Amino acid sequence: MQLTPAVAAAPQISSIVSSATYQSGSYAANSWVTIFGTNLSTTSRSWTNGDILNGGLPFSLDGGSVVLTGAPRLAYVGYVSPTQVNFLLPTDQGPATVHVQVRNSSGISARGPITVQANAPQLLTSDAKYVLATHADGRPLTKATPAAPGEIVTLYGTGCGATTPAQITGQVPTIASPLATLPTITVGGVAASVTADSILPGAAGVYQFAVQIPAAAADGDQHVVATQGGVGSAPTLITVQK
């Protein structure tokens, strides 16, 4: 009897979306992006401190990597599982149509195209619906602990552009460098005051904004939108309560 060893199937991409909102669209440099598919990895885990050497972000986790074609290069991989991979676009990625492939020990996937443009901010969410935010004392902002009109809260985003000084490509940020171009943020369609902004130290690809909820904001769930260079983020929700 001759036995034929099983050959693991090559990875396959089914969709590519924003890690912030799980919605499809365009992306900017320093954006977190999520790939869904099958056979993407044989393990499930996020990067750990052991994967980050001398502040350098990992190009692969457990043998899985993300190839950006066009100008061939590797993205930075933050999470892998059999059905999902999260990766970070490099800070020096220019506007282009970029083809994405997942590569692991079983092979390499077909190409999946994404559009990278100069501006494509996205606000991070806690559940692909409500914006990821904290109160001034660090407590998470939730439906049970809503924002009050006039309160200054911190929102978090990705793909929000260059900072001053510029980020070092492939390195974890160590200082809270401010954005070169401040986005505008609306709550319930009303302009909110952005009192501070920066990259979040220790968190690659994550930006933070101190935002004052408009005094006229109505009670209930309100849409939050960040706009940069004329491009608005996908609407997310924040709960406001007087």
Protein backbone atom coordinates (compact mmCIF):
# COMPACT_ATOMS: atom_id res chain seq x y z
CA MET A 1 0.00 0.00 0.00
CA GLN A 2 1.30 3.41 -0.91
CA LEU A 3 0.13 6.31 1.19
CA THR A 4 -0.08 9.81 -0.23
CA PRO A 5 0.55 12.53 2.34
CA ALA A 6 -2.11 15.20 2.67
CA VAL A 7 -1.16 18.55 1.24
CA ALA A 8 -2.49 21.60 3.05
CA ALA A 9 -4.60 23.89 0.89
CA ALA A 10 -3.16 27.24 -0.14
CA PRO A 11 -4.62 30.37 1.48
CA GLN A 12 -7.63 32.00 -0.16
CA ILE A 13 -8.86 35.58 0.28
CA SER A 14 -12.62 36.19 0.37
CA SER A 15 -12.70 39.88 1.36
CA ILE A 16 -10.52 42.79 2.48
CA VAL A 17 -11.95 45.42 4.84
CA SER A 18 -10.96 48.11 7.31
CA SER A 19 -9.92 46.69 10.69
CA ALA A 20 -11.61 49.74 12.26
CA THR A 21 -15.14 49.16 10.98
CA TYR A 22 -15.05 45.89 8.97
CA GLN A 23 -16.30 47.89 5.99
CA SER A 24 -14.72 47.89 2.55
CA GLY A 25 -13.37 51.05 0.96
CA SER A 26 -10.14 52.93 0.39
CA TYR A 27 -7.17 53.07 2.75
CA ALA A 28 -4.34 55.43 3.62
CA ALA A 29 -0.80 54.75 4.74
CA ASN A 30 -0.57 53.57 8.37
CA SER A 31 -4.03 51.97 8.22
CA TRP A 32 -4.98 48.68 9.84
CA VAL A 33 -6.57 46.37 7.26
CA THR A 34 -8.27 42.97 7.74
CA ILE A 35 -8.27 40.02 5.34
CA PHE A 36 -10.96 37.36 5.65
CA GLY A 37 -10.61 34.00 3.94
CA THR A 38 -9.67 30.35 4.43
CA ASN A 39 -6.41 28.55 5.19
CA LEU A 40 -4.79 31.89 6.04
CA SER A 41 -2.84 30.44 8.98
CA THR A 42 -2.51 27.26 11.02
CA THR A 43 -2.44 29.23 14.29
CA SER A 44 -4.46 32.02 15.91
CA ARG A 45 -2.68 34.81 17.75
CA SER A 46 -1.75 38.48 17.86
CA TRP A 47 1.79 39.77 17.94
CA THR A 48 3.49 39.86 21.33
CA ASN A 49 6.43 41.82 22.70
CA GLY A 50 8.63 38.91 21.65
CA ASP A 51 7.71 39.50 17.98
CA ILE A 52 8.84 43.15 18.13
CA LEU A 53 12.63 43.31 18.00
CA ASN A 54 14.33 46.64 18.82
CA GLY A 55 11.02 48.39 18.15
CA GLY A 56 10.67 46.82 14.71
CA LEU A 57 7.25 45.53 13.67
CA PRO A 58 7.02 41.88 12.50
CA PHE A 59 6.64 41.04 8.82
CA SER A 60 5.19 37.61 9.67
CA LEU A 61 3.60 35.61 12.46
CA ASP A 62 4.08 31.83 12.61
CA GLY A 63 5.20 31.80 8.98
CA GLY A 64 2.28 33.84 7.67
CA SER A 65 2.94 37.10 5.81
CA VAL A 66 1.13 39.65 3.66
CA VAL A 67 2.69 40.61 0.33
CA LEU A 68 1.89 43.99 -1.21
CA THR A 69 2.45 43.87 -4.94
CA GLY A 70 2.85 46.72 -7.38
CA ALA A 71 6.08 47.74 -5.70
CA PRO A 72 6.60 44.35 -4.00
CA ARG A 73 7.05 44.60 -0.25
CA LEU A 74 5.75 43.03 2.95
CA ALA A 75 3.19 44.57 5.26
CA TYR A 76 3.36 44.30 9.05
CA VAL A 77 1.27 41.45 10.44
CA GLY A 78 -0.54 42.03 13.73
CA TYR A 79 -2.88 39.04 13.93
CA VAL A 80 -3.30 35.66 12.23
CA SER A 81 -5.91 32.92 12.31
CA PRO A 82 -7.19 30.36 9.78
CA THR A 83 -9.90 32.80 8.66
CA GLN A 84 -8.52 36.28 9.44
CA VAL A 85 -5.30 38.26 9.13
CA ASN A 86 -4.84 41.85 10.30
CA PHE A 87 -2.02 43.87 8.74
CA LEU A 88 -0.69 47.41 8.86
CA LEU A 89 0.06 49.37 5.71
CA PRO A 90 3.54 50.98 5.91
CA THR A 91 3.69 54.67 6.81
CA ASP A 92 5.49 55.39 3.52
CA GLN A 93 2.97 53.59 1.30
CA GLY A 94 1.98 56.01 -1.46
CA PRO A 95 -1.38 56.28 -3.26
CA ALA A 96 -1.81 53.38 -5.71
CA THR A 97 -3.84 50.31 -6.51
CA VAL A 98 -2.12 47.69 -4.39
CA HIS A 99 -2.63 43.94 -4.76
CA VAL A 100 -2.61 41.96 -1.52
CA GLN A 101 -1.61 38.30 -1.12
CA VAL A 102 -1.35 36.03 1.91
CA ARG A 103 1.65 33.71 1.96
CA ASN A 104 2.31 30.81 4.32
CA SER A 105 3.91 27.37 4.29
CA SER A 106 1.08 26.00 2.13
CA GLY A 107 1.50 28.54 -0.67
CA ILE A 108 0.35 31.99 -1.66
CA SER A 109 -3.15 33.29 -2.34
CA ALA A 110 -4.49 34.95 -5.44
CA ARG A 111 -4.28 38.72 -5.49
CA GLY A 112 -6.90 40.92 -3.87
CA PRO A 113 -6.83 44.62 -4.88
CA ILE A 114 -7.15 47.57 -2.52
CA THR A 115 -7.02 51.30 -3.23
CA VAL A 116 -4.54 53.34 -1.21
CA GLN A 117 -5.07 57.10 -1.33
CA ALA A 118 -3.58 60.14 0.39
CA ASN A 119 -6.51 60.54 2.80
CA ALA A 120 -8.74 57.78 4.16
CA PRO A 121 -9.21 58.23 7.93
CA GLN A 122 -11.15 55.67 9.93
CA LEU A 123 -12.31 55.76 13.54
CA LEU A 124 -11.69 52.57 15.47
CA THR A 125 -14.74 50.83 16.89
CA SER A 126 -15.31 48.48 19.79
CA ASP A 127 -17.75 46.27 17.87
CA ALA A 128 -17.71 47.53 14.24
CA LYS A 129 -20.52 49.90 15.29
CA TYR A 130 -19.69 52.08 18.31
CA VAL A 131 -16.60 54.30 18.26
CA LEU A 132 -13.72 53.27 20.50
CA ALA A 133 -13.53 56.08 23.06
CA THR A 134 -12.60 56.82 26.67
CA HIS A 135 -13.53 59.42 29.25
CA ALA A 136 -10.87 61.79 30.63
CA ASP A 137 -10.25 59.41 33.54
CA GLY A 138 -9.59 56.50 31.15
CA ARG A 139 -12.93 54.73 31.62
CA PRO A 140 -14.32 53.23 28.42
CA LEU A 141 -17.15 55.21 26.88
CA THR A 142 -20.11 52.87 26.37
CA LYS A 143 -23.91 52.99 26.20
CA ALA A 144 -23.90 52.42 29.97
CA THR A 145 -21.29 55.17 30.52
CA PRO A 146 -22.18 57.75 27.82
CA ALA A 147 -20.55 61.05 26.96
CA ALA A 148 -22.06 64.28 28.24
CA PRO A 149 -22.50 67.40 26.10
CA GLY A 150 -19.43 69.60 26.57
CA GLU A 151 -17.30 66.72 27.86
CA ILE A 152 -13.84 66.13 26.38
CA VAL A 153 -13.38 62.49 25.40
CA THR A 154 -10.63 60.61 23.58
CA LEU A 155 -11.39 58.91 20.26
CA TYR A 156 -9.05 56.54 18.43
CA GLY A 157 -8.45 56.14 14.70
CA THR A 158 -6.22 54.62 12.05
CA GLY A 159 -4.93 55.80 8.67
CA CYS A 160 -5.06 59.44 9.78
CA GLY A 161 -1.97 60.65 7.95
CA ALA A 162 1.54 61.87 8.54
CA THR A 163 2.82 63.25 11.83
CA THR A 164 5.39 65.89 12.77
CA PRO A 165 8.04 64.59 13.05
CA ALA A 166 7.32 61.79 10.57
CA GLN A 167 6.99 58.22 11.80
CA ILE A 168 9.87 55.83 11.21
CA THR A 169 8.51 53.17 8.86
CA GLY A 170 8.26 49.78 10.53
CA GLN A 171 8.91 51.07 14.06
CA VAL A 172 6.58 51.25 17.05
CA PRO A 173 5.99 54.96 17.81
CA THR A 174 7.56 56.08 21.08
CA ILE A 175 6.39 59.70 21.31
CA ALA A 176 3.00 61.37 20.86
CA SER A 177 3.83 63.16 17.59
CA PRO A 178 0.97 65.43 16.43
CA LEU A 179 -0.67 65.05 13.06
CA ALA A 180 0.60 67.17 10.20
CA THR A 181 -3.02 67.81 9.13
CA LEU A 182 -5.71 67.94 11.80
CA PRO A 183 -8.96 66.21 10.84
CA THR A 184 -12.36 67.72 11.52
CA ILE A 185 -14.78 65.65 13.58
CA THR A 186 -18.55 65.93 13.75
CA VAL A 187 -20.91 64.44 16.34
CA GLY A 188 -24.50 64.15 15.21
CA GLY A 189 -23.64 66.36 12.25
CA VAL A 190 -22.38 69.16 14.52
CA ALA A 191 -18.71 70.21 14.43
CA ALA A 192 -16.82 69.13 17.53
CA SER A 193 -13.73 70.88 18.87
CA VAL A 194 -10.57 68.78 18.49
CA THR A 195 -8.37 70.01 21.35
CA ALA A 196 -5.43 67.62 20.87
CA ASP A 197 -4.26 64.94 18.45
CA SER A 198 -1.29 62.63 18.03
CA ILE A 199 -0.10 59.17 17.18
CA LEU A 200 -0.58 56.86 20.18
CA PRO A 201 2.82 55.92 21.65
CA GLY A 202 3.37 52.17 21.84
CA ALA A 203 0.51 51.39 19.45
CA ALA A 204 1.51 51.19 15.78
CA GLY A 205 -1.06 52.59 13.36
CA VAL A 206 -3.28 54.08 16.09
CA TYR A 207 -4.07 57.80 16.46
CA GLN A 208 -5.77 59.57 19.38
CA PHE A 209 -7.97 62.69 19.41
CA ALA A 210 -9.19 64.74 22.36
CA VAL A 211 -12.65 65.84 21.22
CA GLN A 212 -15.17 68.05 23.00
CA ILE A 213 -18.72 66.80 22.54
CA PRO A 214 -20.82 69.71 21.19
CA ALA A 215 -22.92 71.39 23.87
CA ALA A 216 -25.92 71.12 21.55
CA ALA A 217 -25.52 67.36 21.01
CA ALA A 218 -28.82 65.53 21.44
CA ASP A 219 -29.28 62.56 23.74
CA GLY A 220 -28.94 59.07 22.28
CA ASP A 221 -26.71 57.43 19.69
CA GLN A 222 -25.07 60.03 17.43
CA HIS A 223 -23.01 59.51 14.30
CA VAL A 224 -19.32 60.41 14.55
CA VAL A 225 -17.35 61.20 11.37
CA ALA A 226 -13.71 62.26 10.95
CA THR A 227 -12.87 64.15 7.75
CA GLN A 228 -9.37 64.71 6.40
CA GLY A 229 -8.43 66.14 3.01
CA GLY A 230 -12.10 66.13 2.02
CA VAL A 231 -12.48 62.39 2.74
CA GLY A 232 -14.81 61.28 5.54
CA SER A 233 -14.56 58.16 7.65
CA ALA A 234 -17.31 55.57 7.79
CA PRO A 235 -19.91 56.83 10.31
CA THR A 236 -19.61 55.28 13.77
CA LEU A 237 -21.81 55.80 16.82
CA ILE A 238 -21.30 57.48 20.19
CA THR A 239 -23.88 57.58 22.98
CA VAL A 240 -24.59 61.02 24.44
CA GLN A 241 -26.62 61.67 27.62
CA LYS A 242 -27.16 64.95 29.44
